[in-house]
Amino acid sequence: MGGPGNHGTIAGMAVSKVIPMPIMHRSLASARGAGGPFDVAVDGAIQAGAVTEDEGRRYLESLEAFDRRGVFCYAALAFSIVAINDDPPLPSV
């Protein structure tokens, strides 16, 4: 990954490079601001019946407690993909 070469295709274009980008947030506010899915995930889990409202509330409170103690950490992995259209360019008008 990340090196030159063909990594397959996407949207009909040849993928020439895949760049992994680890993302880390050391505060709950930063993670939420960047789209961290905590509240949405808890709401979805409650709606699906996977957890109770009380369990969901306690989970979110635990994240807030970790944040107050300075030990909160949220990590995600994103990928940038470079893809090239192999078709000849359209003529200019």
C-alpha atoms as a PDB file:
ATOM      1  CA  MET A   1       0.000   0.000   0.000  1.00  0.00           C
ATOM      2  CA  GLY A   2       1.076   3.513  -0.643  1.00  0.00           C
ATOM      3  CA  GLY A   3       3.619   2.506  -3.256  1.00  0.00           C
ATOM      4  CA  PRO A   4       3.428   2.782  -7.022  1.00  0.00           C
ATOM      5  CA  GLY A   5       1.636   0.211  -9.098  1.00  0.00           C
ATOM      6  CA  ASN A   6      -1.870  -0.817  -9.970  1.00  0.00           C
ATOM      7  CA  HIS A   7      -4.084  -1.572  -6.985  1.00  0.00           C
ATOM      8  CA  GLY A   8      -7.199  -2.417  -9.020  1.00  0.00           C
ATOM      9  CA  THR A   9      -9.933  -0.099 -10.210  1.00  0.00           C
ATOM     10  CA  ILE A  10     -12.504   2.204  -8.671  1.00  0.00           C
ATOM     11  CA  ALA A  11     -15.283   4.027 -10.539  1.00  0.00           C
ATOM     12  CA  GLY A  12     -13.757   2.766 -13.806  1.00  0.00           C
ATOM     13  CA  MET A  13     -10.363   4.323 -13.085  1.00  0.00           C
ATOM     14  CA  ALA A  14      -7.048   2.618 -12.382  1.00  0.00           C
ATOM     15  CA  VAL A  15      -5.987   2.991  -8.756  1.00  0.00           C
ATOM     16  CA  SER A  16      -2.319   3.938  -8.735  1.00  0.00           C
ATOM     17  CA  LYS A  17      -1.786   4.724  -5.068  1.00  0.00           C
ATOM     18  CA  VAL A  18      -3.459   4.005  -1.724  1.00  0.00           C
ATOM     19  CA  ILE A  19      -2.355   6.116   1.222  1.00  0.00           C
ATOM     20  CA  PRO A  20      -3.417   5.048   4.742  1.00  0.00           C
ATOM     21  CA  MET A  21      -3.887   7.906   7.206  1.00  0.00           C
ATOM     22  CA  PRO A  22      -4.221   7.081  10.903  1.00  0.00           C
ATOM     23  CA  ILE A  23      -6.260   9.660  12.809  1.00  0.00           C
ATOM     24  CA  MET A  24      -6.062  10.049  16.587  1.00  0.00           C
ATOM     25  CA  HIS A  25      -8.017  12.316  18.913  1.00  0.00           C
ATOM     26  CA  ARG A  26      -6.985  12.777  22.536  1.00  0.00           C
ATOM     27  CA  SER A  27     -10.150  14.643  23.584  1.00  0.00           C
ATOM     28  CA  LEU A  28     -13.813  13.734  23.321  1.00  0.00           C
ATOM     29  CA  ALA A  29     -14.694  17.200  22.007  1.00  0.00           C
ATOM     30  CA  SER A  30     -12.128  16.884  19.219  1.00  0.00           C
ATOM     31  CA  ALA A  31     -13.347  13.410  18.277  1.00  0.00           C
ATOM     32  CA  ARG A  32     -16.994  14.504  18.258  1.00  0.00           C
ATOM     33  CA  GLY A  33     -16.099  17.611  16.254  1.00  0.00           C
ATOM     34  CA  ALA A  34     -14.419  15.452  13.619  1.00  0.00           C
ATOM     35  CA  GLY A  35     -17.509  13.277  13.285  1.00  0.00           C
ATOM     36  CA  GLY A  36     -16.751  10.637  15.893  1.00  0.00           C
ATOM     37  CA  PRO A  37     -19.836   8.419  15.881  1.00  0.00           C
ATOM     38  CA  PHE A  38     -20.359   8.032  19.627  1.00  0.00           C
ATOM     39  CA  ASP A  39     -23.812   9.568  20.057  1.00  0.00           C
ATOM     40  CA  VAL A  40     -25.124   8.287  16.726  1.00  0.00           C
ATOM     41  CA  ALA A  41     -23.815   4.781  17.459  1.00  0.00           C
ATOM     42  CA  VAL A  42     -25.415   4.738  20.904  1.00  0.00           C
ATOM     43  CA  ASP A  43     -28.740   5.970  19.495  1.00  0.00           C
ATOM     44  CA  GLY A  44     -28.605   3.290  16.801  1.00  0.00           C
ATOM     45  CA  ALA A  45     -27.785   0.583  19.331  1.00  0.00           C
ATOM     46  CA  ILE A  46     -30.713   1.676  21.513  1.00  0.00           C
ATOM     47  CA  GLN A  47     -33.082   1.732  18.528  1.00  0.00           C
ATOM     48  CA  ALA A  48     -31.911  -1.747  17.492  1.00  0.00           C
ATOM     49  CA  GLY A  49     -32.458  -3.049  21.016  1.00  0.00           C
ATOM     50  CA  ALA A  50     -28.781  -3.968  21.417  1.00  0.00           C
ATOM     51  CA  VAL A  51     -28.438  -1.825  24.551  1.00  0.00           C
ATOM     52  CA  THR A  52     -30.849  -0.097  26.901  1.00  0.00           C
ATOM     53  CA  GLU A  53     -31.052   3.682  27.216  1.00  0.00           C
ATOM     54  CA  ASP A  54     -29.400   3.379  30.619  1.00  0.00           C
ATOM     55  CA  GLU A  55     -26.506   1.326  29.179  1.00  0.00           C
ATOM     56  CA  GLY A  56     -26.052   3.841  26.364  1.00  0.00           C
ATOM     57  CA  ARG A  57     -26.066   6.766  28.796  1.00  0.00           C
ATOM     58  CA  ARG A  58     -23.520   5.032  31.046  1.00  0.00           C
ATOM     59  CA  TYR A  59     -21.252   4.342  28.047  1.00  0.00           C
ATOM     60  CA  LEU A  60     -21.286   8.007  27.003  1.00  0.00           C
ATOM     61  CA  GLU A  61     -20.691   9.050  30.621  1.00  0.00           C
ATOM     62  CA  SER A  62     -17.681   6.717  30.736  1.00  0.00           C
ATOM     63  CA  LEU A  63     -16.201   8.461  27.678  1.00  0.00           C
ATOM     64  CA  GLU A  64     -16.716  11.823  29.383  1.00  0.00           C
ATOM     65  CA  ALA A  65     -15.009  10.490  32.536  1.00  0.00           C
ATOM     66  CA  PHE A  66     -12.028   9.225  30.511  1.00  0.00           C
ATOM     67  CA  ASP A  67     -11.819  12.643  28.862  1.00  0.00           C
ATOM     68  CA  ARG A  68     -11.842  14.474  32.217  1.00  0.00           C
ATOM     69  CA  ARG A  69      -9.029  12.211  33.473  1.00  0.00           C
ATOM     70  CA  GLY A  70      -6.985  12.885  30.320  1.00  0.00           C
ATOM     71  CA  VAL A  71      -6.950   9.260  29.178  1.00  0.00           C
ATOM     72  CA  PHE A  72      -9.489   9.455  26.338  1.00  0.00           C
ATOM     73  CA  CYS A  73      -8.214   8.263  22.966  1.00  0.00           C
ATOM     74  CA  TYR A  74     -10.170   7.711  19.745  1.00  0.00           C
ATOM     75  CA  ALA A  75      -8.396   6.320  16.701  1.00  0.00           C
ATOM     76  CA  ALA A  76      -9.659   5.800  13.180  1.00  0.00           C
ATOM     77  CA  LEU A  77      -8.085   4.864   9.874  1.00  0.00           C
ATOM     78  CA  ALA A  78      -8.843   6.684   6.634  1.00  0.00           C
ATOM     79  CA  PHE A  79      -7.496   6.063   3.141  1.00  0.00           C
ATOM     80  CA  SER A  80      -6.715   8.478   0.315  1.00  0.00           C
ATOM     81  CA  ILE A  81      -6.897   6.868  -3.095  1.00  0.00           C
ATOM     82  CA  VAL A  82      -5.242   8.188  -6.236  1.00  0.00           C
ATOM     83  CA  ALA A  83      -7.048   6.920  -9.340  1.00  0.00           C
ATOM     84  CA  ILE A  84      -6.316   7.740 -12.972  1.00  0.00           C
ATOM     85  CA  ASN A  85      -8.730   7.682 -15.877  1.00  0.00           C
ATOM     86  CA  ASP A  86      -7.026   5.574 -18.547  1.00  0.00           C
ATOM     87  CA  ASP A  87      -9.390   6.756 -21.316  1.00  0.00           C
ATOM     88  CA  PRO A  88      -8.006   9.313 -23.753  1.00  0.00           C
ATOM     89  CA  PRO A  89      -8.907  12.885 -22.826  1.00  0.00           C
ATOM     90  CA  LEU A  90     -11.948  14.508 -24.430  1.00  0.00           C
ATOM     91  CA  PRO A  91     -11.119  17.017 -27.157  1.00  0.00           C
ATOM     92  CA  SER A  92     -11.258  20.622 -26.041  1.00  0.00           C
ATOM     93  CA  VAL A  93     -14.079  22.756 -27.419  1.00  0.00           C
END
